[in-house]
Amino acid sequence: MCGVVMSRPSQRVEQDALRERMRAVGMSHDEIAVEFTRRYRLRPRTAHRQARGWTQQQAADRINAHAARTGLDPDGAATMTVPWLSQLETWPLPPRRRPTPQMLALLAEVYGTSIDNLLDLDDREQIPPPTRC
């Protein structure tokens, strides 16, 4: 195989295969998110979305549907967008638009996890003590 360069699968393809392997042995989405955080150095909110195999658009659609279904946003006036979800996922990195406790609760419900699982040390150091979840 002299001169032949073997290409590595894309990270998305790699994550899809890893997620399937982990689910096949009975691992939860929370466990997959922990592994994705460690292996791919993802922020916890990104890891939880990717543990489910959702794109940002798919997650935003599910968040909006859940908010409408539960009466949090029955008129669809405060819809989640991909840019807003991206900011929520990368916080506390710039632009520093901190997620509210209500938004974290909504994400936790949609992702089927706890608010605590959506926060890491960097997040917790940026949340003022009176508003910590």
N, C-alpha and C. Protein backbone atom coordinates (compact mmCIF):
# COMPACT_ATOMS: atom_id res chain seq x y z
N MET A 1 0.83 -1.18 0.00
CA MET A 1 0.00 0.00 0.00
C MET A 1 0.87 1.24 0.00
N CYS A 2 1.99 1.16 -0.64
CA CYS A 2 2.91 2.28 -0.69
C CYS A 2 2.30 3.44 -1.46
N GLY A 3 2.34 4.61 -0.86
CA GLY A 3 1.83 5.80 -1.50
C GLY A 3 0.33 6.02 -1.35
N VAL A 4 -0.37 5.08 -0.75
CA VAL A 4 -1.81 5.22 -0.56
C VAL A 4 -2.06 5.83 0.82
N VAL A 5 -2.82 6.90 0.83
CA VAL A 5 -3.17 7.57 2.08
C VAL A 5 -4.55 7.08 2.51
N MET A 6 -4.60 6.52 3.70
CA MET A 6 -5.88 6.06 4.24
C MET A 6 -6.54 7.23 4.96
N SER A 7 -7.73 7.57 4.53
CA SER A 7 -8.40 8.69 5.16
C SER A 7 -9.13 8.22 6.41
N ARG A 8 -9.19 9.08 7.36
CA ARG A 8 -9.89 8.82 8.63
C ARG A 8 -11.34 9.23 8.44
N PRO A 9 -12.28 8.45 8.99
CA PRO A 9 -13.68 8.86 8.85
C PRO A 9 -13.92 10.19 9.54
N SER A 10 -14.92 10.91 9.08
CA SER A 10 -15.24 12.20 9.70
C SER A 10 -15.59 11.99 11.16
N GLN A 11 -15.45 13.02 11.94
CA GLN A 11 -15.77 12.94 13.36
C GLN A 11 -17.23 12.56 13.56
N ARG A 12 -18.10 13.08 12.73
CA ARG A 12 -19.54 12.75 12.85
C ARG A 12 -19.78 11.27 12.62
N VAL A 13 -19.14 10.71 11.60
CA VAL A 13 -19.28 9.28 11.31
C VAL A 13 -18.71 8.48 12.47
N GLU A 14 -17.57 8.91 12.97
CA GLU A 14 -16.95 8.24 14.12
C GLU A 14 -17.86 8.29 15.34
N GLN A 15 -18.45 9.45 15.61
CA GLN A 15 -19.36 9.58 16.75
C GLN A 15 -20.61 8.71 16.57
N ASP A 16 -21.14 8.67 15.36
CA ASP A 16 -22.32 7.83 15.10
C ASP A 16 -22.01 6.37 15.40
N ALA A 17 -20.85 5.89 14.96
CA ALA A 17 -20.46 4.50 15.19
C ALA A 17 -20.25 4.24 16.68
N LEU A 18 -19.59 5.16 17.36
CA LEU A 18 -19.35 5.01 18.79
C LEU A 18 -20.67 5.01 19.56
N ARG A 19 -21.57 5.93 19.21
CA ARG A 19 -22.88 5.99 19.87
C ARG A 19 -23.61 4.66 19.71
N GLU A 20 -23.60 4.11 18.50
CA GLU A 20 -24.28 2.83 18.24
C GLU A 20 -23.65 1.71 19.05
N ARG A 21 -22.33 1.66 19.13
CA ARG A 21 -21.65 0.64 19.94
C ARG A 21 -22.05 0.75 21.40
N MET A 22 -22.08 1.99 21.91
CA MET A 22 -22.39 2.22 23.32
C MET A 22 -23.85 1.86 23.62
N ARG A 23 -24.76 2.24 22.72
CA ARG A 23 -26.17 1.90 22.91
C ARG A 23 -26.38 0.38 22.84
N ALA A 24 -25.61 -0.29 21.97
CA ALA A 24 -25.74 -1.74 21.80
C ALA A 24 -25.39 -2.50 23.08
N VAL A 25 -24.55 -1.92 23.92
CA VAL A 25 -24.19 -2.59 25.17
C VAL A 25 -24.97 -2.00 26.35
N GLY A 26 -26.01 -1.23 26.04
CA GLY A 26 -26.92 -0.75 27.07
C GLY A 26 -26.52 0.52 27.78
N MET A 27 -25.60 1.27 27.22
CA MET A 27 -25.20 2.53 27.86
C MET A 27 -26.24 3.62 27.63
N SER A 28 -26.44 4.45 28.64
CA SER A 28 -27.43 5.52 28.58
C SER A 28 -26.89 6.71 27.79
N HIS A 29 -27.80 7.61 27.44
CA HIS A 29 -27.37 8.84 26.77
C HIS A 29 -26.47 9.66 27.67
N ASP A 30 -26.72 9.65 28.98
CA ASP A 30 -25.83 10.36 29.91
C ASP A 30 -24.42 9.78 29.86
N GLU A 31 -24.31 8.48 29.83
CA GLU A 31 -22.99 7.84 29.76
C GLU A 31 -22.30 8.15 28.43
N ILE A 32 -23.07 8.16 27.36
CA ILE A 32 -22.50 8.50 26.06
C ILE A 32 -22.02 9.95 26.07
N ALA A 33 -22.80 10.85 26.65
CA ALA A 33 -22.40 12.26 26.72
C ALA A 33 -21.10 12.42 27.50
N VAL A 34 -20.95 11.70 28.59
CA VAL A 34 -19.70 11.77 29.37
C VAL A 34 -18.53 11.32 28.49
N GLU A 35 -18.70 10.23 27.76
CA GLU A 35 -17.63 9.75 26.89
C GLU A 35 -17.34 10.73 25.76
N PHE A 36 -18.38 11.33 25.18
CA PHE A 36 -18.17 12.32 24.12
C PHE A 36 -17.45 13.55 24.66
N THR A 37 -17.80 13.96 25.88
CA THR A 37 -17.13 15.10 26.49
C THR A 37 -15.64 14.80 26.65
N ARG A 38 -15.34 13.62 27.14
CA ARG A 38 -13.95 13.23 27.36
C ARG A 38 -13.20 13.03 26.04
N ARG A 39 -13.77 12.25 25.17
CA ARG A 39 -13.08 11.85 23.95
C ARG A 39 -12.95 12.98 22.94
N TYR A 40 -13.99 13.79 22.79
CA TYR A 40 -14.01 14.83 21.77
C TYR A 40 -13.87 16.24 22.34
N ARG A 41 -13.72 16.32 23.66
CA ARG A 41 -13.56 17.60 24.37
C ARG A 41 -14.70 18.57 24.07
N LEU A 42 -15.91 18.04 24.19
CA LEU A 42 -17.11 18.83 23.94
C LEU A 42 -17.59 19.49 25.22
N ARG A 43 -18.26 20.60 25.08
CA ARG A 43 -18.97 21.21 26.20
C ARG A 43 -20.11 20.25 26.56
N PRO A 44 -20.55 20.21 27.80
CA PRO A 44 -21.56 19.22 28.19
C PRO A 44 -22.88 19.33 27.44
N ARG A 45 -23.31 20.53 27.11
CA ARG A 45 -24.59 20.66 26.40
C ARG A 45 -24.46 20.13 24.97
N THR A 46 -23.33 20.36 24.34
CA THR A 46 -23.08 19.81 23.01
C THR A 46 -23.02 18.29 23.07
N ALA A 47 -22.33 17.77 24.08
CA ALA A 47 -22.18 16.32 24.22
C ALA A 47 -23.54 15.64 24.40
N HIS A 48 -24.44 16.25 25.14
CA HIS A 48 -25.75 15.66 25.35
C HIS A 48 -26.57 15.66 24.06
N ARG A 49 -26.46 16.71 23.29
CA ARG A 49 -27.16 16.74 22.00
C ARG A 49 -26.58 15.67 21.08
N GLN A 50 -25.27 15.61 21.00
CA GLN A 50 -24.63 14.66 20.09
C GLN A 50 -24.77 13.22 20.57
N ALA A 51 -24.95 13.02 21.88
CA ALA A 51 -25.18 11.67 22.40
C ALA A 51 -26.47 11.10 21.83
N ARG A 52 -27.37 11.96 21.43
CA ARG A 52 -28.63 11.53 20.83
C ARG A 52 -28.56 11.50 19.30
N GLY A 53 -27.45 11.98 18.75
CA GLY A 53 -27.29 11.97 17.30
C GLY A 53 -28.02 13.09 16.60
N TRP A 54 -28.36 14.15 17.35
CA TRP A 54 -29.12 15.25 16.78
C TRP A 54 -28.21 16.35 16.27
N THR A 55 -28.58 16.91 15.12
CA THR A 55 -27.94 18.14 14.66
C THR A 55 -28.47 19.29 15.51
N GLN A 56 -27.86 20.45 15.38
CA GLN A 56 -28.38 21.60 16.11
C GLN A 56 -29.79 21.94 15.65
N GLN A 57 -30.06 21.80 14.36
CA GLN A 57 -31.41 22.09 13.86
C GLN A 57 -32.42 21.11 14.43
N GLN A 58 -32.07 19.83 14.46
CA GLN A 58 -32.98 18.83 15.03
C GLN A 58 -33.24 19.11 16.51
N ALA A 59 -32.21 19.47 17.24
CA ALA A 59 -32.37 19.79 18.66
C ALA A 59 -33.25 21.02 18.83
N ALA A 60 -33.00 22.06 18.04
CA ALA A 60 -33.81 23.28 18.13
C ALA A 60 -35.27 22.97 17.85
N ASP A 61 -35.53 22.14 16.85
CA ASP A 61 -36.91 21.76 16.53
C ASP A 61 -37.56 21.02 17.70
N ARG A 62 -36.83 20.13 18.32
CA ARG A 62 -37.37 19.38 19.46
C ARG A 62 -37.60 20.29 20.67
N ILE A 63 -36.69 21.23 20.89
CA ILE A 63 -36.84 22.19 21.99
C ILE A 63 -38.09 23.03 21.78
N ASN A 64 -38.26 23.54 20.56
CA ASN A 64 -39.44 24.35 20.25
C ASN A 64 -40.73 23.55 20.39
N ALA A 65 -40.74 22.31 19.92
CA ALA A 65 -41.93 21.47 20.03
C ALA A 65 -42.25 21.20 21.50
N HIS A 66 -41.23 20.92 22.29
CA HIS A 66 -41.45 20.65 23.72
C HIS A 66 -41.98 21.90 24.42
N ALA A 67 -41.40 23.05 24.11
CA ALA A 67 -41.85 24.30 24.74
C ALA A 67 -43.32 24.59 24.39
N ALA A 68 -43.70 24.34 23.15
CA ALA A 68 -45.09 24.55 22.74
C ALA A 68 -46.02 23.53 23.40
N ARG A 69 -45.60 22.27 23.43
CA ARG A 69 -46.42 21.18 23.98
C ARG A 69 -46.66 21.35 25.48
N THR A 70 -45.64 21.84 26.20
CA THR A 70 -45.76 21.96 27.65
C THR A 70 -46.30 23.31 28.09
N GLY A 71 -46.59 24.19 27.13
CA GLY A 71 -47.15 25.49 27.48
C GLY A 71 -46.12 26.54 27.84
N LEU A 72 -44.83 26.22 27.71
CA LEU A 72 -43.80 27.21 28.00
C LEU A 72 -43.76 28.31 26.94
N ASP A 73 -44.10 27.94 25.72
CA ASP A 73 -44.11 28.89 24.62
C ASP A 73 -45.22 28.49 23.65
N PRO A 74 -46.48 28.59 24.08
CA PRO A 74 -47.59 28.09 23.27
C PRO A 74 -47.76 28.81 21.93
N ASP A 75 -47.34 30.06 21.86
CA ASP A 75 -47.50 30.82 20.62
C ASP A 75 -46.26 30.76 19.72
N GLY A 76 -45.21 30.09 20.18
CA GLY A 76 -43.99 30.01 19.39
C GLY A 76 -43.31 31.36 19.24
N ALA A 77 -43.47 32.22 20.22
CA ALA A 77 -42.92 33.58 20.14
C ALA A 77 -41.43 33.65 20.49
N ALA A 78 -40.94 32.66 21.23
CA ALA A 78 -39.54 32.68 21.67
C ALA A 78 -38.83 31.43 21.19
N THR A 79 -38.88 31.20 19.90
CA THR A 79 -38.35 29.95 19.37
C THR A 79 -36.84 29.85 19.48
N MET A 80 -36.40 28.60 19.68
CA MET A 80 -34.97 28.29 19.70
C MET A 80 -34.48 28.32 18.25
N THR A 81 -33.34 28.93 18.05
CA THR A 81 -32.72 28.96 16.74
C THR A 81 -31.36 28.26 16.83
N VAL A 82 -30.82 27.89 15.71
CA VAL A 82 -29.50 27.25 15.69
C VAL A 82 -28.43 28.19 16.26
N PRO A 83 -28.41 29.48 15.87
CA PRO A 83 -27.39 30.36 16.47
C PRO A 83 -27.52 30.49 17.99
N TRP A 84 -28.74 30.56 18.51
CA TRP A 84 -28.94 30.68 19.95
C TRP A 84 -28.52 29.38 20.63
N LEU A 85 -28.86 28.23 20.06
CA LEU A 85 -28.44 26.95 20.63
C LEU A 85 -26.92 26.84 20.62
N SER A 86 -26.30 27.29 19.57
CA SER A 86 -24.84 27.28 19.50
C SER A 86 -24.23 28.09 20.63
N GLN A 87 -24.80 29.26 20.91
CA GLN A 87 -24.30 30.08 22.02
C GLN A 87 -24.52 29.38 23.36
N LEU A 88 -25.65 28.72 23.52
CA LEU A 88 -25.91 28.00 24.76
C LEU A 88 -24.92 26.85 24.95
N GLU A 89 -24.60 26.19 23.84
CA GLU A 89 -23.70 25.05 23.92
C GLU A 89 -22.27 25.46 24.23
N THR A 90 -21.82 26.59 23.72
CA THR A 90 -20.42 26.97 23.90
C THR A 90 -20.17 27.85 25.11
N TRP A 91 -21.22 28.38 25.74
CA TRP A 91 -21.04 29.21 26.91
C TRP A 91 -20.24 28.43 27.94
N PRO A 92 -19.30 29.00 28.67
CA PRO A 92 -19.05 30.43 28.87
C PRO A 92 -18.08 31.06 27.89
N LEU A 93 -17.80 30.41 26.78
CA LEU A 93 -16.95 31.03 25.77
C LEU A 93 -17.70 32.16 25.09
N PRO A 94 -16.99 33.14 24.55
CA PRO A 94 -17.67 34.27 23.89
C PRO A 94 -18.56 33.79 22.74
N PRO A 95 -19.65 34.46 22.44
CA PRO A 95 -20.20 35.60 23.15
C PRO A 95 -20.87 35.14 24.44
N ARG A 96 -20.60 35.79 25.49
CA ARG A 96 -20.99 35.36 26.83
C ARG A 96 -22.47 35.59 27.14
N ARG A 97 -23.31 34.88 26.51
CA ARG A 97 -24.75 34.94 26.76
C ARG A 97 -25.12 33.74 27.62
N ARG A 98 -25.14 33.95 28.92
CA ARG A 98 -25.35 32.87 29.88
C ARG A 98 -26.77 32.31 29.78
N PRO A 99 -26.89 30.98 29.78
CA PRO A 99 -28.23 30.39 29.79
C PRO A 99 -28.92 30.64 31.12
N THR A 100 -30.19 30.91 31.06
CA THR A 100 -30.98 31.11 32.28
C THR A 100 -31.25 29.75 32.92
N PRO A 101 -31.58 29.73 34.22
CA PRO A 101 -31.98 28.46 34.83
C PRO A 101 -33.17 27.81 34.12
N GLN A 102 -34.10 28.64 33.62
CA GLN A 102 -35.25 28.11 32.90
C GLN A 102 -34.82 27.44 31.59
N MET A 103 -33.86 28.05 30.89
CA MET A 103 -33.38 27.46 29.64
C MET A 103 -32.64 26.16 29.91
N LEU A 104 -31.84 26.13 30.98
CA LEU A 104 -31.15 24.89 31.34
C LEU A 104 -32.16 23.79 31.68
N ALA A 105 -33.23 24.16 32.38
CA ALA A 105 -34.27 23.18 32.72
C ALA A 105 -34.94 22.65 31.45
N LEU A 106 -35.19 23.52 30.50
CA LEU A 106 -35.80 23.11 29.23
C LEU A 106 -34.87 22.16 28.48
N LEU A 107 -33.60 22.50 28.39
CA LEU A 107 -32.63 21.62 27.72
C LEU A 107 -32.58 20.27 28.41
N ALA A 108 -32.53 20.30 29.73
CA ALA A 108 -32.46 19.05 30.49
C ALA A 108 -33.68 18.16 30.21
N GLU A 109 -34.86 18.77 30.15
CA GLU A 109 -36.07 18.00 29.85
C GLU A 109 -36.00 17.37 28.46
N VAL A 110 -35.61 18.17 27.48
CA VAL A 110 -35.57 17.68 26.10
C VAL A 110 -34.49 16.61 25.94
N TYR A 111 -33.36 16.78 26.60
CA TYR A 111 -32.26 15.82 26.49
C TYR A 111 -32.41 14.64 27.44
N GLY A 112 -33.43 14.68 28.30
CA GLY A 112 -33.67 13.56 29.20
C GLY A 112 -32.57 13.39 30.23
N THR A 113 -32.10 14.50 30.78
CA THR A 113 -31.01 14.46 31.76
C THR A 113 -31.30 15.47 32.86
N SER A 114 -30.35 15.70 33.72
CA SER A 114 -30.50 16.70 34.78
C SER A 114 -29.73 17.97 34.41
N ILE A 115 -30.11 19.05 35.03
CA ILE A 115 -29.39 20.30 34.82
C ILE A 115 -27.92 20.13 35.20
N ASP A 116 -27.67 19.44 36.31
CA ASP A 116 -26.29 19.22 36.75
C ASP A 116 -25.44 18.57 35.66
N ASN A 117 -26.02 17.66 34.88
CA ASN A 117 -25.26 16.99 33.82
C ASN A 117 -24.95 17.91 32.64
N LEU A 118 -25.63 19.04 32.57
CA LEU A 118 -25.40 19.99 31.48
C LEU A 118 -24.36 21.04 31.83
N LEU A 119 -23.83 20.99 33.06
CA LEU A 119 -22.88 21.99 33.54
C LEU A 119 -21.58 21.32 33.95
N ASP A 120 -20.47 21.97 33.62
CA ASP A 120 -19.18 21.49 34.09
C ASP A 120 -18.54 22.57 34.97
N LEU A 121 -17.31 22.37 35.36
CA LEU A 121 -16.63 23.31 36.25
C LEU A 121 -16.59 24.72 35.67
N ASP A 122 -16.23 24.85 34.39
CA ASP A 122 -16.17 26.18 33.77
C ASP A 122 -17.52 26.89 33.85
N ASP A 123 -18.59 26.16 33.61
CA ASP A 123 -19.93 26.74 33.70
C ASP A 123 -20.23 27.19 35.12
N ARG A 124 -19.99 26.30 36.07
CA ARG A 124 -20.34 26.58 37.47
C ARG A 124 -19.56 27.77 38.03
N GLU A 125 -18.35 27.95 37.55
CA GLU A 125 -17.56 29.10 38.03
C GLU A 125 -18.09 30.42 37.49
N GLN A 126 -18.89 30.38 36.42
CA GLN A 126 -19.43 31.58 35.80
C GLN A 126 -20.85 31.91 36.25
N ILE A 127 -21.49 30.99 36.96
CA ILE A 127 -22.86 31.22 37.41
C ILE A 127 -22.80 31.87 38.80
N PRO A 128 -23.43 33.01 38.97
CA PRO A 128 -23.45 33.64 40.29
C PRO A 128 -24.11 32.72 41.32
N PRO A 129 -23.57 32.66 42.55
CA PRO A 129 -24.10 31.74 43.58
C PRO A 129 -25.61 31.77 43.77
N PRO A 130 -26.30 32.93 43.80
CA PRO A 130 -27.76 32.88 44.04
C PRO A 130 -28.55 32.19 42.94
N THR A 131 -27.98 32.09 41.71
CA THR A 131 -28.74 31.50 40.61
C THR A 131 -28.27 30.09 40.28
N ARG A 132 -27.31 29.57 41.01
CA ARG A 132 -26.84 28.20 40.71
C ARG A 132 -27.96 27.22 40.89
N CYS A 133 -28.00 26.27 39.98
CA CYS A 133 -29.06 25.24 39.99
C CYS A 133 -28.73 24.17 41.02
